[in-house]
PDB file of N, CA and C in Angstrom:
ATOM      1  N   MET A   1     122.446 108.928  89.719  1.00  0.00           N
ATOM      2  CA  MET A   1     122.491 108.574  91.148  1.00  0.00           C
ATOM      3  C   MET A   1     123.838 107.920  91.487  1.00  0.00           C
ATOM      4  N   ASN A   2     124.423 108.365  92.588  1.00  0.00           N
ATOM      5  CA  ASN A   2     125.714 107.811  92.994  1.00  0.00           C
ATOM      6  C   ASN A   2     125.471 106.619  93.909  1.00  0.00           C
ATOM      7  N   ILE A   3     125.563 105.420  93.339  1.00  0.00           N
ATOM      8  CA  ILE A   3     125.312 104.197  94.110  1.00  0.00           C
ATOM      9  C   ILE A   3     126.395 104.019  95.167  1.00  0.00           C
ATOM     10  N   LYS A   4     127.628 104.377  94.808  1.00  0.00           N
ATOM     11  CA  LYS A   4     128.741 104.210  95.748  1.00  0.00           C
ATOM     12  C   LYS A   4     128.529 105.082  96.980  1.00  0.00           C
ATOM     13  N   LYS A   5     128.051 106.314  96.760  1.00  0.00           N
ATOM     14  CA  LYS A   5     127.800 107.222  97.876  1.00  0.00           C
ATOM     15  C   LYS A   5     126.676 106.666  98.744  1.00  0.00           C
ATOM     16  N   PHE A   6     125.644 106.119  98.084  1.00  0.00           N
ATOM     17  CA  PHE A   6     124.514 105.527  98.800  1.00  0.00           C
ATOM     18  C   PHE A   6     124.994 104.369  99.659  1.00  0.00           C
ATOM     19  N   PHE A   7     125.864 103.526  99.082  1.00  0.00           N
ATOM     20  CA  PHE A   7     126.414 102.381  99.813  1.00  0.00           C
ATOM     21  C   PHE A   7     127.220 102.852 101.006  1.00  0.00           C
ATOM     22  N   PHE A   8     127.977 103.936 100.825  1.00  0.00           N
ATOM     23  CA  PHE A   8     128.814 104.470 101.900  1.00  0.00           C
ATOM     24  C   PHE A   8     127.956 104.947 103.062  1.00  0.00           C
ATOM     25  N   ILE A   9     126.809 105.566 102.742  1.00  0.00           N
ATOM     26  CA  ILE A   9     125.887 106.038 103.778  1.00  0.00           C
ATOM     27  C   ILE A   9     125.341 104.851 104.559  1.00  0.00           C
ATOM     28  N   ILE A  10     124.925 103.798 103.838  1.00  0.00           N
ATOM     29  CA  ILE A  10     124.393 102.602 104.495  1.00  0.00           C
ATOM     30  C   ILE A  10     125.475 101.974 105.364  1.00  0.00           C
ATOM     31  N   LEU A  11     126.691 101.907 104.832  1.00  0.00           N
ATOM     32  CA  LEU A  11     127.816 101.335 105.560  1.00  0.00           C
ATOM     33  C   LEU A  11     128.058 102.112 106.849  1.00  0.00           C
ATOM     34  N   PHE A  12     127.998 103.430 106.759  1.00  0.00           N
ATOM     35  CA  PHE A  12     128.230 104.287 107.924  1.00  0.00           C
ATOM     36  C   PHE A  12     127.169 104.039 108.994  1.00  0.00           C
ATOM     37  N   ILE A  13     125.897 103.902 108.560  1.00  0.00           N
ATOM     38  CA  ILE A  13     124.793 103.648 109.495  1.00  0.00           C
ATOM     39  C   ILE A  13     124.996 102.299 110.178  1.00  0.00           C
ATOM     40  N   LEU A  14     125.338 101.281 109.388  1.00  0.00           N
ATOM     41  CA  LEU A  14     125.544  99.950 109.954  1.00  0.00           C
ATOM     42  C   LEU A  14     126.743  99.933 110.889  1.00  0.00           C
ATOM     43  N   MET A  15     127.773 100.681 110.546  1.00  0.00           N
ATOM     44  CA  MET A  15     128.964 100.768 111.403  1.00  0.00           C
ATOM     45  C   MET A  15     128.584 101.374 112.747  1.00  0.00           C
ATOM     46  N   ALA A  16     127.706 102.386 112.704  1.00  0.00           N
ATOM     47  CA  ALA A  16     127.260 103.029 113.933  1.00  0.00           C
ATOM     48  C   ALA A  16     126.409 102.064 114.759  1.00  0.00           C
ATOM     49  N   LEU A  17     125.548 101.298 114.069  1.00  0.00           N
ATOM     50  CA  LEU A  17     124.672 100.353 114.766  1.00  0.00           C
ATOM     51  C   LEU A  17     125.472  99.165 115.283  1.00  0.00           C
ATOM     52  N   GLY A  18     126.312  98.599 114.418  1.00  0.00           N
ATOM     53  CA  GLY A  18     127.094  97.429 114.831  1.00  0.00           C
ATOM     54  C   GLY A  18     128.257  97.186 113.899  1.00  0.00           C
ATOM     55  N   GLY A  19     129.452  97.031 114.461  1.00  0.00           N
ATOM     56  CA  GLY A  19     130.655  96.817 113.658  1.00  0.00           C
ATOM     57  C   GLY A  19     130.535  95.613 112.741  1.00  0.00           C
ATOM     58  N   ILE A  20     129.908  94.538 113.239  1.00  0.00           N
ATOM     59  CA  ILE A  20     129.781  93.313 112.441  1.00  0.00           C
ATOM     60  C   ILE A  20     128.974  93.600 111.178  1.00  0.00           C
ATOM     61  N   GLY A  21     127.865  94.307 111.321  1.00  0.00           N
ATOM     62  CA  GLY A  21     127.024  94.645 110.174  1.00  0.00           C
ATOM     63  C   GLY A  21     127.786  95.494 109.169  1.00  0.00           C
ATOM     64  N   GLY A  22     128.582  96.440 109.677  1.00  0.00           N
ATOM     65  CA  GLY A  22     129.367  97.306 108.802  1.00  0.00           C
ATOM     66  C   GLY A  22     130.389  96.512 108.006  1.00  0.00           C
ATOM     67  N   VAL A  23     131.081  95.607 108.693  1.00  0.00           N
ATOM     68  CA  VAL A  23     132.093  94.783 108.020  1.00  0.00           C
ATOM     69  C   VAL A  23     131.429  93.887 106.982  1.00  0.00           C
ATOM     70  N   ALA A  24     130.269  93.313 107.338  1.00  0.00           N
ATOM     71  CA  ALA A  24     129.555  92.420 106.424  1.00  0.00           C
ATOM     72  C   ALA A  24     129.143  93.184 105.166  1.00  0.00           C
ATOM     73  N   LEU A  25     128.606  94.397 105.337  1.00  0.00           N
ATOM     74  CA  LEU A  25     128.180  95.195 104.183  1.00  0.00           C
ATOM     75  C   LEU A  25     129.388  95.638 103.368  1.00  0.00           C
ATOM     76  N   MET A  26     130.492  95.923 104.057  1.00  0.00           N
ATOM     77  CA  MET A  26     131.708  96.337 103.371  1.00  0.00           C
ATOM     78  C   MET A  26     132.183  95.220 102.449  1.00  0.00           C
ATOM     79  N   GLY A  27     132.183  93.994 102.958  1.00  0.00           N
ATOM     80  CA  GLY A  27     132.572  92.841 102.147  1.00  0.00           C
ATOM     81  C   GLY A  27     131.612  92.652 100.987  1.00  0.00           C
ATOM     82  N   TYR A  28     130.322  92.838 101.268  1.00  0.00           N
ATOM     83  CA  TYR A  28     129.298  92.670 100.231  1.00  0.00           C
ATOM     84  C   TYR A  28     129.470  93.718  99.133  1.00  0.00           C
ATOM     85  N   SER A  29     129.766  94.953  99.542  1.00  0.00           N
ATOM     86  CA  SER A  29     129.953  96.041  98.570  1.00  0.00           C
ATOM     87  C   SER A  29     131.154  95.748  97.676  1.00  0.00           C
ATOM     88  N   ILE A  30     132.208  95.151  98.252  1.00  0.00           N
ATOM     89  CA  ILE A  30     133.399  94.796  97.468  1.00  0.00           C
ATOM     90  C   ILE A  30     133.030  93.721  96.450  1.00  0.00           C
ATOM     91  N   VAL A  31     132.218  92.756  96.874  1.00  0.00           N
ATOM     92  CA  VAL A  31     131.794  91.671  95.974  1.00  0.00           C
ATOM     93  C   VAL A  31     130.974  92.242  94.816  1.00  0.00           C
ATOM     94  N   ILE A  32     130.050  93.171  95.132  1.00  0.00           N
ATOM     95  CA  ILE A  32     129.201  93.779  94.105  1.00  0.00           C
ATOM     96  C   ILE A  32     130.050  94.663  93.188  1.00  0.00           C
ATOM     97  N   GLY A  33     131.008  95.379  93.795  1.00  0.00           N
ATOM     98  CA  GLY A  33     131.868  96.275  93.023  1.00  0.00           C
ATOM     99  C   GLY A  33     132.708  95.512  92.001  1.00  0.00           C
ATOM    100  N   LYS A  34     133.186  94.321  92.373  1.00  0.00           N
ATOM    101  CA  LYS A  34     134.017  93.517  91.473  1.00  0.00           C
ATOM    102  C   LYS A  34     133.205  92.629  90.577  1.00  0.00           C
TER     103      LYS A  34
END
């Protein structure tokens, strides 16, 4: 399973719903990635 692809899909949905949510998830994904 491609977790990164899954995260990207969630990020895209949140970006569509609200920029703040997208940015927050983007930061969270970076934290998890590192």
